[in-house]
Amino acid sequence: TQYKLCLQYLTAFLEETSISRTILIRRWLAEGMVTGDDGVQTREETGELCFNELVFLGFVKPAAPVVPGLKIKSCKMETSVRNFLIHIAQSENFLDGSLDLLPTHFRHQRKIREIAQRRSPPEKELPQLRLLLNIIWPRKKFQVDDGGDTAAVKNLHPIEEMKRHLKALPQEYRLNVLDLGGCDALKDDGLEDILGCLHWLKYLSLKNTKVTRLPKKLSEKFEQLETLDVRQTKIKAAHRV
């Protein structure tokens, strides 16, 4: 049952070209999909076994040549596996074939990654972009948010889109994982706003973002946080939780 849940969870990575082994296992743990084996195995060990089993069965493949004696650092899914995952998710939930109708849990995670990977418009392109939008939709007014270092068309900015998505989640819904890794639009103020939309987290990735400090509310508000990934950021050791 655990392996099946972990396999289905790969639908949250349909947009990824490469999946980190460590990130995948830690997300499984945060989502409660992997448990220990009555004291014989830890949750981490069970997660490692599950990952190795998925590799052995061919559901995921190493993203780079394997070095004997070393663990696989990242993996990838082939198109046939992606289609299979979508099929079983849809079959078990009587869906009509649309990715937007995946199970709620997987759909939210997929949407978060899609937004995080979206590039924010370069500053020099914004005037032309706004002009183009006004030509296409002359009756619609596009607000401009200049709260950061770069102005952006509010309707298209990834951070604004992320905030809208998180605010729309049902109040009783517990979002365990928030993977913002690689979001080039994420800065300190944007992180403050995003965390303000949430009440519960077990996993937060800020890897390869422009965040330079961690807000106080991170340690005060999210006591259940298990994993905080700040690799490839400018966050100093003194500012880490």
C-alpha atoms as a PDB file:
ATOM      1  CA  THR A   1       0.000   0.000   0.000  1.00  0.00           C
ATOM      2  CA  GLN A   2       2.824   2.412   0.844  1.00  0.00           C
ATOM      3  CA  TYR A   3       4.550   1.775  -2.466  1.00  0.00           C
ATOM      4  CA  LYS A   4       1.333   2.323  -4.376  1.00  0.00           C
ATOM      5  CA  LEU A   5       0.729   5.672  -2.644  1.00  0.00           C
ATOM      6  CA  CYS A   6       4.312   6.746  -3.331  1.00  0.00           C
ATOM      7  CA  LEU A   7       3.935   5.752  -6.974  1.00  0.00           C
ATOM      8  CA  GLN A   8       0.705   7.722  -7.362  1.00  0.00           C
ATOM      9  CA  TYR A   9       2.333  10.732  -5.691  1.00  0.00           C
ATOM     10  CA  LEU A  10       4.597  11.012  -8.735  1.00  0.00           C
ATOM     11  CA  THR A  11       1.649  12.673 -10.500  1.00  0.00           C
ATOM     12  CA  ALA A  12       2.704  15.793  -8.566  1.00  0.00           C
ATOM     13  CA  PHE A  13       5.947  15.757 -10.602  1.00  0.00           C
ATOM     14  CA  LEU A  14       4.476  15.522 -14.093  1.00  0.00           C
ATOM     15  CA  GLU A  15       5.973  18.914 -15.011  1.00  0.00           C
ATOM     16  CA  GLU A  16       9.466  18.077 -13.714  1.00  0.00           C
ATOM     17  CA  THR A  17      12.301  17.024 -16.005  1.00  0.00           C
ATOM     18  CA  SER A  18      14.407  15.795 -13.085  1.00  0.00           C
ATOM     19  CA  ILE A  19      13.350  14.732  -9.580  1.00  0.00           C
ATOM     20  CA  SER A  20      15.734  14.797  -6.623  1.00  0.00           C
ATOM     21  CA  ARG A  21      15.789  11.522  -4.675  1.00  0.00           C
ATOM     22  CA  THR A  22      16.154  13.346  -1.360  1.00  0.00           C
ATOM     23  CA  ILE A  23      13.330  15.781  -2.114  1.00  0.00           C
ATOM     24  CA  LEU A  24      11.010  12.989  -3.248  1.00  0.00           C
ATOM     25  CA  ILE A  25      11.604  10.863  -0.135  1.00  0.00           C
ATOM     26  CA  ARG A  26      11.259  13.808   2.250  1.00  0.00           C
ATOM     27  CA  ARG A  27       8.003  14.803   0.589  1.00  0.00           C
ATOM     28  CA  TRP A  28       6.714  11.248   1.018  1.00  0.00           C
ATOM     29  CA  LEU A  29       7.572  11.488   4.709  1.00  0.00           C
ATOM     30  CA  ALA A  30       5.917  14.900   5.121  1.00  0.00           C
ATOM     31  CA  GLU A  31       2.749  13.628   3.433  1.00  0.00           C
ATOM     32  CA  GLY A  32       2.603  10.633   5.772  1.00  0.00           C
ATOM     33  CA  MET A  33       2.874   8.159   2.885  1.00  0.00           C
ATOM     34  CA  VAL A  34       5.818   6.316   4.398  1.00  0.00           C
ATOM     35  CA  THR A  35       5.883   4.842   7.895  1.00  0.00           C
ATOM     36  CA  GLY A  36       8.437   2.777   9.800  1.00  0.00           C
ATOM     37  CA  ASP A  37       8.211  -0.986  10.115  1.00  0.00           C
ATOM     38  CA  ASP A  38       7.435  -1.652  13.793  1.00  0.00           C
ATOM     39  CA  GLY A  39      10.821  -0.420  14.964  1.00  0.00           C
ATOM     40  CA  VAL A  40      12.722  -2.578  12.470  1.00  0.00           C
ATOM     41  CA  GLN A  41      13.037   0.227   9.919  1.00  0.00           C
ATOM     42  CA  THR A  42      12.873   3.999  10.299  1.00  0.00           C
ATOM     43  CA  ARG A  43      10.619   6.049   8.038  1.00  0.00           C
ATOM     44  CA  GLU A  44      13.682   7.246   6.140  1.00  0.00           C
ATOM     45  CA  GLU A  45      14.870   3.679   5.549  1.00  0.00           C
ATOM     46  CA  THR A  46      11.435   2.654   4.326  1.00  0.00           C
ATOM     47  CA  GLY A  47      11.412   5.652   1.975  1.00  0.00           C
ATOM     48  CA  GLU A  48      14.816   4.650   0.579  1.00  0.00           C
ATOM     49  CA  LEU A  49      13.570   1.082  -0.004  1.00  0.00           C
ATOM     50  CA  CYS A  50      10.475   2.403  -1.757  1.00  0.00           C
ATOM     51  CA  PHE A  51      12.566   4.633  -4.021  1.00  0.00           C
ATOM     52  CA  ASN A  52      14.898   1.757  -4.895  1.00  0.00           C
ATOM     53  CA  GLU A  53      11.887  -0.440  -5.667  1.00  0.00           C
ATOM     54  CA  LEU A  54      10.436   2.145  -8.069  1.00  0.00           C
ATOM     55  CA  VAL A  55      13.808   2.306  -9.821  1.00  0.00           C
ATOM     56  CA  PHE A  56      14.040  -1.495  -9.970  1.00  0.00           C
ATOM     57  CA  LEU A  57      10.556  -1.743 -11.485  1.00  0.00           C
ATOM     58  CA  GLY A  58      11.342   0.951 -14.067  1.00  0.00           C
ATOM     59  CA  PHE A  59       8.823   3.563 -12.949  1.00  0.00           C
ATOM     60  CA  VAL A  60      11.664   6.056 -12.536  1.00  0.00           C
ATOM     61  CA  LYS A  61      15.125   5.985 -14.067  1.00  0.00           C
ATOM     62  CA  PRO A  62      18.391   7.639 -13.027  1.00  0.00           C
ATOM     63  CA  ALA A  63      18.699  11.113 -14.525  1.00  0.00           C
ATOM     64  CA  ALA A  64      22.475  10.690 -14.826  1.00  0.00           C
ATOM     65  CA  PRO A  65      24.860   7.730 -15.181  1.00  0.00           C
ATOM     66  CA  VAL A  66      24.952   5.653 -12.012  1.00  0.00           C
ATOM     67  CA  VAL A  67      28.244   5.485 -10.121  1.00  0.00           C
ATOM     68  CA  PRO A  68      28.719   2.048  -8.500  1.00  0.00           C
ATOM     69  CA  GLY A  69      28.493   2.238  -4.711  1.00  0.00           C
ATOM     70  CA  LEU A  70      26.800   5.663  -4.672  1.00  0.00           C
ATOM     71  CA  LYS A  71      23.124   6.500  -4.325  1.00  0.00           C
ATOM     72  CA  ILE A  72      21.129   7.849  -7.248  1.00  0.00           C
ATOM     73  CA  LYS A  73      20.888  11.624  -6.772  1.00  0.00           C
ATOM     74  CA  SER A  74      18.030  12.327  -9.161  1.00  0.00           C
ATOM     75  CA  CYS A  75      15.614  10.455 -11.374  1.00  0.00           C
ATOM     76  CA  LYS A  76      13.221  11.051 -14.256  1.00  0.00           C
ATOM     77  CA  MET A  77       9.998   9.617 -15.658  1.00  0.00           C
ATOM     78  CA  GLU A  78       9.538   8.553 -19.247  1.00  0.00           C
ATOM     79  CA  THR A  79       6.444   9.568 -21.202  1.00  0.00           C
ATOM     80  CA  SER A  80       4.927   6.079 -20.985  1.00  0.00           C
ATOM     81  CA  VAL A  81       5.164   6.185 -17.168  1.00  0.00           C
ATOM     82  CA  ARG A  82       3.627   9.666 -17.029  1.00  0.00           C
ATOM     83  CA  ASN A  83       0.684   8.464 -19.129  1.00  0.00           C
ATOM     84  CA  PHE A  84       0.316   5.365 -16.935  1.00  0.00           C
ATOM     85  CA  LEU A  85       0.219   7.428 -13.740  1.00  0.00           C
ATOM     86  CA  ILE A  86      -2.444   9.723 -15.165  1.00  0.00           C
ATOM     87  CA  HIS A  87      -4.453   6.686 -16.284  1.00  0.00           C
ATOM     88  CA  ILE A  88      -4.468   4.930 -12.897  1.00  0.00           C
ATOM     89  CA  ALA A  89      -5.257   8.172 -11.049  1.00  0.00           C
ATOM     90  CA  GLN A  90      -8.170   8.827 -13.353  1.00  0.00           C
ATOM     91  CA  SER A  91      -9.407   5.231 -13.328  1.00  0.00           C
ATOM     92  CA  GLU A  92      -9.504   5.019  -9.531  1.00  0.00           C
ATOM     93  CA  ASN A  93     -11.312   8.327  -9.201  1.00  0.00           C
ATOM     94  CA  PHE A  94     -13.685   7.991 -12.190  1.00  0.00           C
ATOM     95  CA  LEU A  95     -12.247  11.032 -13.923  1.00  0.00           C
ATOM     96  CA  ASP A  96     -12.808  12.092 -17.507  1.00  0.00           C
ATOM     97  CA  GLY A  97      -9.196  12.376 -18.691  1.00  0.00           C
ATOM     98  CA  SER A  98      -8.438  15.975 -17.734  1.00  0.00           C
ATOM     99  CA  LEU A  99      -5.299  16.695 -15.695  1.00  0.00           C
ATOM    100  CA  ASP A 100      -7.279  19.416 -13.941  1.00  0.00           C
ATOM    101  CA  LEU A 101      -9.476  16.678 -12.486  1.00  0.00           C
ATOM    102  CA  LEU A 102      -6.761  14.669 -10.788  1.00  0.00           C
ATOM    103  CA  PRO A 103      -7.407  13.871  -7.105  1.00  0.00           C
ATOM    104  CA  THR A 104      -7.476  17.077  -5.053  1.00  0.00           C
ATOM    105  CA  HIS A 105      -4.241  16.417  -3.191  1.00  0.00           C
ATOM    106  CA  PHE A 106      -2.177  15.736  -6.313  1.00  0.00           C
ATOM    107  CA  ARG A 107      -3.825  18.575  -8.225  1.00  0.00           C
ATOM    108  CA  HIS A 108      -2.798  21.168  -5.635  1.00  0.00           C
ATOM    109  CA  GLN A 109       0.807  19.954  -5.589  1.00  0.00           C
ATOM    110  CA  ARG A 110       0.975  19.943  -9.380  1.00  0.00           C
ATOM    111  CA  LYS A 111      -0.459  23.477  -9.525  1.00  0.00           C
ATOM    112  CA  ILE A 112       2.052  24.774  -6.957  1.00  0.00           C
ATOM    113  CA  ARG A 113       4.980  23.403  -8.967  1.00  0.00           C
ATOM    114  CA  GLU A 114       3.559  24.777 -12.215  1.00  0.00           C
ATOM    115  CA  ILE A 115       3.341  28.280 -10.716  1.00  0.00           C
ATOM    116  CA  ALA A 116       6.764  28.047  -9.043  1.00  0.00           C
ATOM    117  CA  GLN A 117       8.413  27.156 -12.338  1.00  0.00           C
ATOM    118  CA  ARG A 118       6.796  30.049 -14.187  1.00  0.00           C
ATOM    119  CA  ARG A 119       9.250  32.843 -14.976  1.00  0.00           C
ATOM    120  CA  SER A 120       8.366  36.391 -13.957  1.00  0.00           C
ATOM    121  CA  PRO A 121       8.352  38.928 -16.836  1.00  0.00           C
ATOM    122  CA  PRO A 122      11.655  40.862 -17.141  1.00  0.00           C
ATOM    123  CA  GLU A 123      11.292  44.490 -16.078  1.00  0.00           C
ATOM    124  CA  LYS A 124      12.156  45.881 -19.517  1.00  0.00           C
ATOM    125  CA  GLU A 125       9.424  43.784 -21.145  1.00  0.00           C
ATOM    126  CA  LEU A 126       6.608  44.847 -18.815  1.00  0.00           C
ATOM    127  CA  PRO A 127       5.576  48.082 -20.605  1.00  0.00           C
ATOM    128  CA  GLN A 128       5.275  46.225 -23.918  1.00  0.00           C
ATOM    129  CA  LEU A 129       3.441  43.360 -22.222  1.00  0.00           C
ATOM    130  CA  ARG A 130       0.953  45.709 -20.568  1.00  0.00           C
ATOM    131  CA  LEU A 131       0.405  47.499 -23.891  1.00  0.00           C
ATOM    132  CA  LEU A 132      -0.256  44.173 -25.590  1.00  0.00           C
ATOM    133  CA  LEU A 133      -2.742  43.162 -22.895  1.00  0.00           C
ATOM    134  CA  ASN A 134      -4.577  46.453 -23.231  1.00  0.00           C
ATOM    135  CA  ILE A 135      -4.838  45.930 -26.981  1.00  0.00           C
ATOM    136  CA  ILE A 136      -6.232  42.414 -26.535  1.00  0.00           C
ATOM    137  CA  TRP A 137      -8.553  43.311 -23.641  1.00  0.00           C
ATOM    138  CA  PRO A 138      -9.155  47.068 -23.963  1.00  0.00           C
ATOM    139  CA  ARG A 139     -11.985  47.064 -21.406  1.00  0.00           C
ATOM    140  CA  LYS A 140     -10.020  45.307 -18.674  1.00  0.00           C
ATOM    141  CA  LYS A 141      -7.705  47.266 -16.387  1.00  0.00           C
ATOM    142  CA  PHE A 142      -4.552  45.474 -15.306  1.00  0.00           C
ATOM    143  CA  GLN A 143      -3.239  46.499 -11.903  1.00  0.00           C
ATOM    144  CA  VAL A 144       0.482  46.901 -11.391  1.00  0.00           C
ATOM    145  CA  ASP A 145       2.142  45.687  -8.222  1.00  0.00           C
ATOM    146  CA  ASP A 146       5.389  47.520  -7.516  1.00  0.00           C
ATOM    147  CA  GLY A 147       5.805  46.232  -3.968  1.00  0.00           C
ATOM    148  CA  GLY A 148       9.159  44.632  -4.807  1.00  0.00           C
ATOM    149  CA  ASP A 149      12.230  45.590  -6.739  1.00  0.00           C
ATOM    150  CA  THR A 150      10.496  44.821 -10.026  1.00  0.00           C
ATOM    151  CA  ALA A 151       7.071  45.959 -11.182  1.00  0.00           C
ATOM    152  CA  ALA A 152       4.863  43.235 -12.557  1.00  0.00           C
ATOM    153  CA  VAL A 153       1.492  42.812 -14.125  1.00  0.00           C
ATOM    154  CA  LYS A 154      -0.424  41.522 -11.139  1.00  0.00           C
ATOM    155  CA  ASN A 155      -2.567  39.099 -13.091  1.00  0.00           C
ATOM    156  CA  LEU A 156       0.497  37.318 -14.447  1.00  0.00           C
ATOM    157  CA  HIS A 157       3.034  37.487 -11.624  1.00  0.00           C
ATOM    158  CA  PRO A 158       3.821  34.033 -10.159  1.00  0.00           C
ATOM    159  CA  ILE A 159       3.765  35.235  -6.532  1.00  0.00           C
ATOM    160  CA  GLU A 160       0.334  36.807  -6.894  1.00  0.00           C
ATOM    161  CA  GLU A 161      -0.900  33.655  -8.621  1.00  0.00           C
ATOM    162  CA  MET A 162       0.530  31.524  -5.807  1.00  0.00           C
ATOM    163  CA  LYS A 163      -1.149  33.649  -3.136  1.00  0.00           C
ATOM    164  CA  ARG A 164      -4.511  33.414  -4.907  1.00  0.00           C
ATOM    165  CA  HIS A 165      -4.202  29.649  -5.190  1.00  0.00           C
ATOM    166  CA  LEU A 166      -3.282  29.165  -1.517  1.00  0.00           C
ATOM    167  CA  LYS A 167      -6.005  31.518  -0.291  1.00  0.00           C
ATOM    168  CA  ALA A 168      -8.562  29.546  -2.303  1.00  0.00           C
ATOM    169  CA  LEU A 169      -7.760  26.300  -0.469  1.00  0.00           C
ATOM    170  CA  PRO A 170     -10.535  25.157   1.892  1.00  0.00           C
ATOM    171  CA  GLN A 171      -9.884  26.270   5.467  1.00  0.00           C
ATOM    172  CA  GLU A 172      -9.931  22.696   6.717  1.00  0.00           C
ATOM    173  CA  TYR A 173      -7.406  21.545   4.084  1.00  0.00           C
ATOM    174  CA  ARG A 174      -3.918  20.866   5.470  1.00  0.00           C
ATOM    175  CA  LEU A 175      -1.186  21.581   2.964  1.00  0.00           C
ATOM    176  CA  ASN A 176       1.778  19.515   4.171  1.00  0.00           C
ATOM    177  CA  VAL A 177       4.219  20.326   1.360  1.00  0.00           C
ATOM    178  CA  LEU A 178       5.059  23.660  -0.256  1.00  0.00           C
ATOM    179  CA  ASP A 179       7.821  23.231  -2.836  1.00  0.00           C
ATOM    180  CA  LEU A 180       8.864  26.669  -4.131  1.00  0.00           C
ATOM    181  CA  GLY A 181      12.254  25.474  -5.341  1.00  0.00           C
ATOM    182  CA  GLY A 182      13.488  27.271  -8.453  1.00  0.00           C
ATOM    183  CA  CYS A 183      10.927  30.080  -8.255  1.00  0.00           C
ATOM    184  CA  ASP A 184      12.968  33.017  -9.612  1.00  0.00           C
ATOM    185  CA  ALA A 185      10.239  35.494  -8.637  1.00  0.00           C
ATOM    186  CA  LEU A 186      10.334  34.606  -4.929  1.00  0.00           C
ATOM    187  CA  LYS A 187      11.939  37.239  -2.675  1.00  0.00           C
ATOM    188  CA  ASP A 188      11.699  38.036   1.046  1.00  0.00           C
ATOM    189  CA  ASP A 189       8.450  40.013   0.879  1.00  0.00           C
ATOM    190  CA  GLY A 190       6.834  37.430  -1.370  1.00  0.00           C
ATOM    191  CA  LEU A 191       7.685  34.643   1.074  1.00  0.00           C
ATOM    192  CA  GLU A 192       6.116  36.648   3.934  1.00  0.00           C
ATOM    193  CA  ASP A 193       2.904  37.019   1.923  1.00  0.00           C
ATOM    194  CA  ILE A 194       2.778  33.360   0.913  1.00  0.00           C
ATOM    195  CA  LEU A 195       3.327  32.061   4.457  1.00  0.00           C
ATOM    196  CA  GLY A 196       0.588  34.408   5.631  1.00  0.00           C
ATOM    197  CA  CYS A 197      -1.867  32.360   3.564  1.00  0.00           C
ATOM    198  CA  LEU A 198      -1.054  29.129   5.380  1.00  0.00           C
ATOM    199  CA  HIS A 199      -1.579  27.654   8.840  1.00  0.00           C
ATOM    200  CA  TRP A 200       0.183  24.302   8.553  1.00  0.00           C
ATOM    201  CA  LEU A 201       3.339  22.992   6.869  1.00  0.00           C
ATOM    202  CA  LYS A 202       5.660  20.014   7.261  1.00  0.00           C
ATOM    203  CA  TYR A 203       7.903  20.615   4.262  1.00  0.00           C
ATOM    204  CA  LEU A 204       9.079  23.905   2.748  1.00  0.00           C
ATOM    205  CA  SER A 205      11.594  24.239  -0.073  1.00  0.00           C
ATOM    206  CA  LEU A 206      13.122  27.619  -0.910  1.00  0.00           C
ATOM    207  CA  LYS A 207      15.973  26.089  -2.887  1.00  0.00           C
ATOM    208  CA  ASN A 208      17.426  28.266  -5.650  1.00  0.00           C
ATOM    209  CA  THR A 209      15.222  31.313  -4.918  1.00  0.00           C
ATOM    210  CA  LYS A 210      16.069  34.961  -4.180  1.00  0.00           C
ATOM    211  CA  VAL A 211      15.094  34.731  -0.514  1.00  0.00           C
ATOM    212  CA  THR A 212      17.809  36.164   1.776  1.00  0.00           C
ATOM    213  CA  ARG A 213      16.209  35.795   5.215  1.00  0.00           C
ATOM    214  CA  LEU A 214      13.594  33.710   6.985  1.00  0.00           C
ATOM    215  CA  PRO A 215      10.575  35.452   8.530  1.00  0.00           C
ATOM    216  CA  LYS A 216       9.972  35.047  12.271  1.00  0.00           C
ATOM    217  CA  LYS A 217       6.538  33.583  11.630  1.00  0.00           C
ATOM    218  CA  LEU A 218       8.215  30.499  10.143  1.00  0.00           C
ATOM    219  CA  SER A 219       9.338  29.201  13.543  1.00  0.00           C
ATOM    220  CA  GLU A 220       6.429  30.728  15.460  1.00  0.00           C
ATOM    221  CA  LYS A 221       3.606  29.587  13.214  1.00  0.00           C
ATOM    222  CA  PHE A 222       4.783  26.286  11.730  1.00  0.00           C
ATOM    223  CA  GLU A 223       5.785  24.153  14.698  1.00  0.00           C
ATOM    224  CA  GLN A 224       5.254  20.940  12.715  1.00  0.00           C
ATOM    225  CA  LEU A 225       7.811  21.862  10.046  1.00  0.00           C
ATOM    226  CA  GLU A 226      10.118  18.877   9.476  1.00  0.00           C
ATOM    227  CA  THR A 227      12.106  19.880   6.391  1.00  0.00           C
ATOM    228  CA  LEU A 228      13.344  23.342   5.403  1.00  0.00           C
ATOM    229  CA  ASP A 229      15.419  23.399   2.215  1.00  0.00           C
ATOM    230  CA  VAL A 230      17.425  26.642   1.834  1.00  0.00           C
ATOM    231  CA  ARG A 231      20.142  25.341  -0.462  1.00  0.00           C
ATOM    232  CA  GLN A 232      21.373  27.679  -3.206  1.00  0.00           C
ATOM    233  CA  THR A 233      20.006  30.761  -1.428  1.00  0.00           C
ATOM    234  CA  LYS A 234      21.701  33.711   0.261  1.00  0.00           C
ATOM    235  CA  ILE A 235      20.194  32.917   3.639  1.00  0.00           C
ATOM    236  CA  LYS A 236      22.968  33.180   6.216  1.00  0.00           C
ATOM    237  CA  ALA A 237      23.414  30.538   8.900  1.00  0.00           C
ATOM    238  CA  ALA A 238      22.352  33.008  11.596  1.00  0.00           C
ATOM    239  CA  HIS A 239      19.052  33.561   9.820  1.00  0.00           C
ATOM    240  CA  ARG A 240      18.140  29.903   9.452  1.00  0.00           C
ATOM    241  CA  VAL A 241      15.517  28.202  11.598  1.00  0.00           C
END
